[in-house]
Amino acid sequence: MTNERATGRDIILAIADNMRESLEPLVTETIAPSLYQVYLHADDFDHLRTLFGKIETEARKLLDGELERMNKGAVPALQRLLRRKEPGVPAMRFLSAEGRWYIRFQEDPNGTLGPGDIEVVSEFAQVPAAGYGAGSKTRRISTTRRLGQNTLSRRELTDVQPALARLNYEDNRGAQTYLMTKDEIVLGREAPDVWVDLRLDTLPDVSREHARVQRTPEGKFRIKDLSKLGTTVDGEAIPRSLETIDGQVKDLDRWFDLPDKARIGLAGVVHLQFERVDRA
């Protein structure tokens, strides 16, 4: 029977399920994805919004515990074979790809999830090529969807993703181009403790998670400001989405429509030329 409402516990278990389904074995290491995007029905998203911080903390603890448990487990058959040939080969290790966990929560943008449904999409980080911010042409995605007590899993390996939009900019590394290949990306200053899709090597005026750009189900683009020093579109300051209410910082989910071509400014420090890519 399908739950009428997703619970925090359901989400945490779905993230752990996803991690186990998405492990990538190498020779002496098995790598787990670091980024987990959680999609929820609108009602569940609103109900749990204030608990996302606690859910993220609990999920990270569970993922750490799962890696610890796997590292204490039996040595895989391949490792035993390698040890017979090469006694000095180190034991198989289970690791997070980035050394820590990044978890995001988002309302289902496509309207395909019902109340109680949870969809988790995980990704392995890719090292960006010099001058080209989209990184590797190969991206691994694993999706877990929990329907009550039933879990459905899907693994995908996608090669070159069709670009939805292009962003040209210049930071401390020089001229860069980033191709937006998924429906939502985060723009921000490069920092070890925050996951962003477009990582900028720039001044601290740009927030670690500065803005989000999203493609809606209707195919339009919009942007949300999450920064301290502001975001502009074609020179116009857009409304800030974060506000402090009763001593707590809350995301009011304020979006600003992006035209097909626009100049996005981050804290007046970095400017990105955004352009929608027409798809045949």
Protein backbone atom coordinates (compact mmCIF):
# COMPACT_ATOMS: atom_id res chain seq x y z
CA MET A 1 0.00 0.00 0.00
CA THR A 2 1.39 3.39 -0.99
CA ASN A 3 2.02 5.90 1.79
CA GLU A 4 -0.16 9.01 1.60
CA ARG A 5 2.78 11.12 2.70
CA ALA A 6 6.54 10.69 2.44
CA THR A 7 8.31 10.76 5.79
CA GLY A 8 11.83 11.86 6.63
CA ARG A 9 12.68 8.25 7.39
CA ASP A 10 11.45 7.16 3.94
CA ILE A 11 13.71 9.77 2.31
CA ILE A 12 16.78 8.74 4.32
CA LEU A 13 16.26 5.07 3.46
CA ALA A 14 15.69 5.92 -0.22
CA ILE A 15 19.02 7.79 -0.34
CA ALA A 16 20.79 4.81 1.23
CA ASP A 17 19.11 2.44 -1.25
CA ASN A 18 20.28 4.65 -4.09
CA MET A 19 23.87 4.68 -2.84
CA ARG A 20 23.99 0.88 -2.65
CA GLU A 21 22.52 0.56 -6.16
CA SER A 22 24.98 3.10 -7.61
CA LEU A 23 28.33 1.74 -6.40
CA GLU A 24 31.03 1.77 -9.08
CA PRO A 25 33.68 -0.97 -8.52
CA LEU A 26 37.27 -0.34 -9.56
CA VAL A 27 40.17 -2.70 -8.72
CA THR A 28 41.14 -1.72 -5.19
CA GLU A 29 38.31 0.76 -4.54
CA THR A 30 34.54 0.90 -4.97
CA ILE A 31 33.19 4.42 -5.36
CA ALA A 32 29.83 5.74 -4.16
CA PRO A 33 28.23 8.87 -5.68
CA SER A 34 28.56 12.04 -3.62
CA LEU A 35 25.54 14.03 -4.88
CA TYR A 36 21.93 12.97 -4.20
CA GLN A 37 19.04 15.00 -5.60
CA VAL A 38 15.75 14.18 -3.86
CA TYR A 39 12.50 14.93 -5.71
CA LEU A 40 9.18 15.01 -3.82
CA HIS A 41 5.52 15.66 -4.54
CA ALA A 42 4.61 19.32 -3.87
CA ASP A 43 2.58 18.46 -0.74
CA ASP A 44 5.42 16.38 0.74
CA PHE A 45 7.98 19.06 -0.14
CA ASP A 46 5.99 21.76 1.67
CA HIS A 47 5.31 19.51 4.66
CA LEU A 48 8.98 18.57 5.14
CA ARG A 49 10.64 21.82 4.05
CA THR A 50 11.63 22.88 7.57
CA LEU A 51 13.13 19.45 8.31
CA PHE A 52 15.44 19.16 5.30
CA GLY A 53 18.48 20.16 7.37
CA LYS A 54 17.84 17.40 9.91
CA ILE A 55 17.04 14.87 7.18
CA GLU A 56 20.31 15.70 5.42
CA THR A 57 22.27 15.27 8.67
CA GLU A 58 20.68 11.89 9.37
CA ALA A 59 21.18 10.73 5.77
CA ARG A 60 24.87 11.62 5.90
CA LYS A 61 25.26 9.62 9.12
CA LEU A 62 23.56 6.61 7.54
CA LEU A 63 25.71 6.82 4.39
CA ASP A 64 28.87 7.03 6.52
CA GLY A 65 27.67 4.01 8.48
CA GLU A 66 26.97 2.05 5.29
CA LEU A 67 30.48 2.69 3.99
CA GLU A 68 31.94 1.69 7.35
CA ARG A 69 29.87 -1.51 7.35
CA MET A 70 30.94 -2.38 3.79
CA ASN A 71 34.59 -1.69 4.59
CA LYS A 72 34.36 -4.17 7.48
CA GLY A 73 32.68 -6.79 5.32
CA ALA A 74 34.03 -9.79 3.46
CA VAL A 75 36.82 -9.31 0.91
CA PRO A 76 35.35 -9.63 -2.62
CA ALA A 77 36.31 -12.60 -4.77
CA LEU A 78 38.27 -10.38 -7.18
CA GLN A 79 40.32 -9.05 -4.27
CA ARG A 80 41.08 -12.57 -3.05
CA LEU A 81 42.21 -13.47 -6.57
CA LEU A 82 44.45 -10.41 -6.76
CA ARG A 83 45.93 -11.19 -3.35
CA ARG A 84 46.89 -14.70 -4.44
CA LYS A 85 48.83 -13.19 -7.33
CA GLU A 86 50.10 -10.08 -5.60
CA PRO A 87 50.26 -10.37 -1.78
CA GLY A 88 50.99 -6.65 -1.50
CA VAL A 89 47.70 -5.52 -3.08
CA PRO A 90 45.78 -3.38 -0.54
CA ALA A 91 42.33 -4.37 0.69
CA MET A 92 39.27 -3.24 -1.26
CA ARG A 93 37.94 0.07 0.07
CA PHE A 94 34.52 1.69 -0.27
CA LEU A 95 34.73 5.47 -0.67
CA SER A 96 32.58 8.50 -1.41
CA ALA A 97 33.61 9.99 -4.76
CA GLU A 98 34.20 13.47 -3.29
CA GLY A 99 35.00 12.41 0.26
CA ARG A 100 31.69 13.74 1.62
CA TRP A 101 27.97 13.77 0.84
CA TYR A 102 25.87 16.46 -0.87
CA ILE A 103 22.08 16.17 -0.64
CA ARG A 104 19.55 18.47 -2.32
CA PHE A 105 15.78 18.58 -2.05
CA GLN A 106 13.47 19.76 -4.82
CA GLU A 107 9.78 19.75 -5.61
CA ASP A 108 9.04 17.41 -8.52
CA PRO A 109 9.28 19.73 -11.58
CA ASN A 110 7.48 17.38 -13.97
CA GLY A 111 4.43 16.49 -11.89
CA THR A 112 5.01 12.74 -12.27
CA LEU A 113 5.32 11.89 -8.56
CA GLY A 114 2.33 11.29 -6.34
CA PRO A 115 2.03 11.90 -2.58
CA GLY A 116 4.38 9.52 -0.80
CA ASP A 117 6.61 8.99 -3.84
CA ILE A 118 10.32 9.77 -3.56
CA GLU A 119 12.75 9.93 -6.44
CA VAL A 120 16.49 10.11 -5.78
CA VAL A 121 18.96 10.89 -8.57
CA SER A 122 22.66 10.51 -7.80
CA GLU A 123 25.69 11.62 -9.78
CA PHE A 124 29.41 11.08 -9.76
CA ALA A 125 31.41 14.29 -9.87
CA GLN A 126 33.49 14.80 -12.97
CA VAL A 127 36.72 16.78 -13.23
CA PRO A 128 36.05 19.69 -15.62
CA ALA A 129 38.24 19.96 -18.68
CA ALA A 130 40.36 23.12 -18.94
CA GLY A 131 38.27 25.97 -20.29
CA TYR A 132 35.14 23.86 -20.53
CA GLY A 133 32.93 23.87 -17.48
CA ALA A 134 30.64 21.01 -18.43
CA GLY A 135 33.31 18.48 -17.47
CA SER A 136 33.42 14.93 -18.77
CA LYS A 137 31.09 13.85 -21.58
CA THR A 138 29.98 10.86 -19.53
CA ARG A 139 27.66 11.18 -16.55
CA ARG A 140 26.30 8.29 -14.47
CA ILE A 141 22.85 8.64 -12.94
CA SER A 142 21.04 6.19 -10.69
CA THR A 143 17.42 6.66 -9.70
CA THR A 144 15.56 5.06 -6.79
CA ARG A 145 11.86 5.55 -6.34
CA ARG A 146 10.12 4.38 -3.19
CA LEU A 147 6.42 3.60 -3.43
CA GLY A 148 5.36 2.80 0.12
CA GLN A 149 7.39 -0.28 1.00
CA ASN A 150 8.24 -1.13 -2.64
CA THR A 151 11.44 0.16 -4.20
CA LEU A 152 12.00 0.48 -7.93
CA SER A 153 15.54 1.19 -9.16
CA ARG A 154 16.92 2.30 -12.49
CA ARG A 155 20.57 2.70 -13.53
CA GLU A 156 21.48 4.86 -16.50
CA LEU A 157 24.77 5.59 -18.22
CA THR A 158 24.45 8.64 -20.42
CA ASP A 159 27.12 9.80 -22.83
CA VAL A 160 26.93 13.23 -24.48
CA GLN A 161 23.93 15.04 -23.01
CA PRO A 162 22.09 17.42 -25.33
CA ALA A 163 22.71 20.95 -24.10
CA LEU A 164 19.71 22.95 -22.90
CA ALA A 165 21.62 26.22 -22.50
CA ARG A 166 25.13 27.66 -22.74
CA LEU A 167 26.84 29.98 -20.25
CA ASN A 168 30.01 31.82 -21.22
CA TYR A 169 31.96 33.60 -18.49
CA GLU A 170 35.41 34.47 -17.23
CA ASP A 171 36.83 33.74 -13.77
CA ASN A 172 40.35 33.46 -12.35
CA ARG A 173 41.03 30.53 -14.69
CA GLY A 174 40.22 32.57 -17.80
CA ALA A 175 37.45 32.28 -20.37
CA GLN A 176 35.08 29.37 -19.69
CA THR A 177 32.05 27.74 -21.28
CA TYR A 178 29.51 25.69 -19.33
CA LEU A 179 26.84 23.59 -21.05
CA MET A 180 23.66 23.11 -19.02
CA THR A 181 22.60 19.51 -19.64
CA LYS A 182 20.04 18.99 -16.86
CA ASP A 183 16.90 20.77 -15.74
CA GLU A 184 18.42 22.57 -12.74
CA ILE A 185 21.94 23.70 -11.93
CA VAL A 186 23.55 25.57 -9.03
CA LEU A 187 25.99 28.43 -9.66
CA GLY A 188 28.48 29.35 -6.97
CA ARG A 189 32.01 29.95 -5.77
CA GLU A 190 34.25 26.92 -5.63
CA ALA A 191 34.37 25.56 -2.07
CA PRO A 192 35.13 22.11 -0.62
CA ASP A 193 32.00 21.89 1.54
CA VAL A 194 29.28 22.88 -0.96
CA TRP A 195 28.28 21.10 -4.17
CA VAL A 196 27.72 23.40 -7.14
CA ASP A 197 27.37 22.46 -10.80
CA LEU A 198 29.06 25.56 -12.20
CA ARG A 199 32.07 26.16 -9.94
CA LEU A 200 33.55 29.64 -10.13
CA ASP A 201 37.12 30.44 -9.10
CA THR A 202 36.52 34.00 -7.97
CA LEU A 203 36.26 36.45 -5.07
CA PRO A 204 34.33 35.56 -1.88
CA ASP A 205 31.72 38.20 -2.86
CA VAL A 206 30.17 35.36 -4.87
CA SER A 207 28.39 33.02 -2.47
CA ARG A 208 29.26 29.33 -2.33
CA GLU A 209 25.69 28.61 -3.46
CA HIS A 210 24.84 31.84 -5.24
CA ALA A 211 21.96 31.10 -7.64
CA ARG A 212 20.00 28.35 -9.32
CA VAL A 213 18.99 28.18 -12.98
CA GLN A 214 16.07 25.93 -13.86
CA ARG A 215 14.37 24.77 -17.02
CA THR A 216 10.63 24.34 -16.39
CA PRO A 217 8.51 21.49 -17.83
CA GLU A 218 7.19 24.05 -20.35
CA GLY A 219 10.74 24.57 -21.63
CA LYS A 220 11.22 28.06 -20.20
CA PHE A 221 14.16 29.13 -18.04
CA ARG A 222 14.17 30.92 -14.71
CA ILE A 223 16.69 31.88 -12.02
CA LYS A 224 16.61 32.09 -8.21
CA ASP A 225 18.97 34.22 -6.11
CA LEU A 226 20.36 32.52 -2.97
CA SER A 227 23.22 34.92 -2.30
CA LYS A 228 24.19 37.62 0.18
CA LEU A 229 25.29 40.24 -2.34
CA GLY A 230 22.70 39.74 -5.04
CA THR A 231 22.12 38.57 -8.60
CA THR A 232 21.21 40.63 -11.66
CA VAL A 233 19.67 39.78 -15.03
CA ASP A 234 20.53 42.26 -17.80
CA GLY A 235 21.51 44.77 -15.12
CA GLU A 236 18.29 44.42 -13.10
CA ALA A 237 18.52 43.11 -9.54
CA ILE A 238 16.23 40.12 -9.05
CA PRO A 239 14.35 39.41 -5.78
CA ARG A 240 16.33 37.54 -3.15
CA SER A 241 14.82 34.15 -2.36
CA LEU A 242 16.33 33.77 1.12
CA GLU A 243 14.90 35.74 4.04
CA THR A 244 15.40 35.54 7.79
CA ILE A 245 12.06 34.86 9.48
CA ASP A 246 11.84 34.39 13.25
CA GLY A 247 15.59 34.02 13.40
CA GLN A 248 15.73 31.29 10.74
CA VAL A 249 16.85 31.61 7.12
CA LYS A 250 14.08 30.36 4.84
CA ASP A 251 13.91 29.88 1.08
CA LEU A 252 10.77 31.59 -0.20
CA ASP A 253 11.22 29.95 -3.63
CA ARG A 254 11.22 33.22 -5.57
CA TRP A 255 12.08 32.73 -9.23
CA PHE A 256 12.76 35.27 -11.98
CA ASP A 257 12.10 34.49 -15.65
CA LEU A 258 15.17 34.30 -17.89
CA PRO A 259 14.90 35.37 -21.53
CA ASP A 260 16.49 33.16 -24.19
CA LYS A 261 19.57 35.41 -24.04
CA ALA A 262 20.58 37.22 -20.86
CA ARG A 263 23.55 38.62 -18.94
CA ILE A 264 23.60 37.20 -15.41
CA GLY A 265 25.62 39.08 -12.82
CA LEU A 266 26.77 37.50 -9.55
CA ALA A 267 27.52 40.09 -6.83
CA GLY A 268 28.80 42.42 -9.55
CA VAL A 269 31.98 40.29 -9.70
CA VAL A 270 31.31 37.66 -12.37
CA HIS A 271 29.04 38.03 -15.39
CA LEU A 272 27.76 35.09 -17.38
CA GLN A 273 26.30 35.26 -20.87
CA PHE A 274 23.32 32.89 -20.80
CA GLU A 275 21.90 31.58 -24.05
CA ARG A 276 19.21 29.00 -24.64
CA VAL A 277 20.29 26.24 -27.04
CA ASP A 278 17.75 25.40 -29.72
CA ARG A 279 17.23 21.67 -30.00
CA ALA A 280 16.37 20.11 -33.33
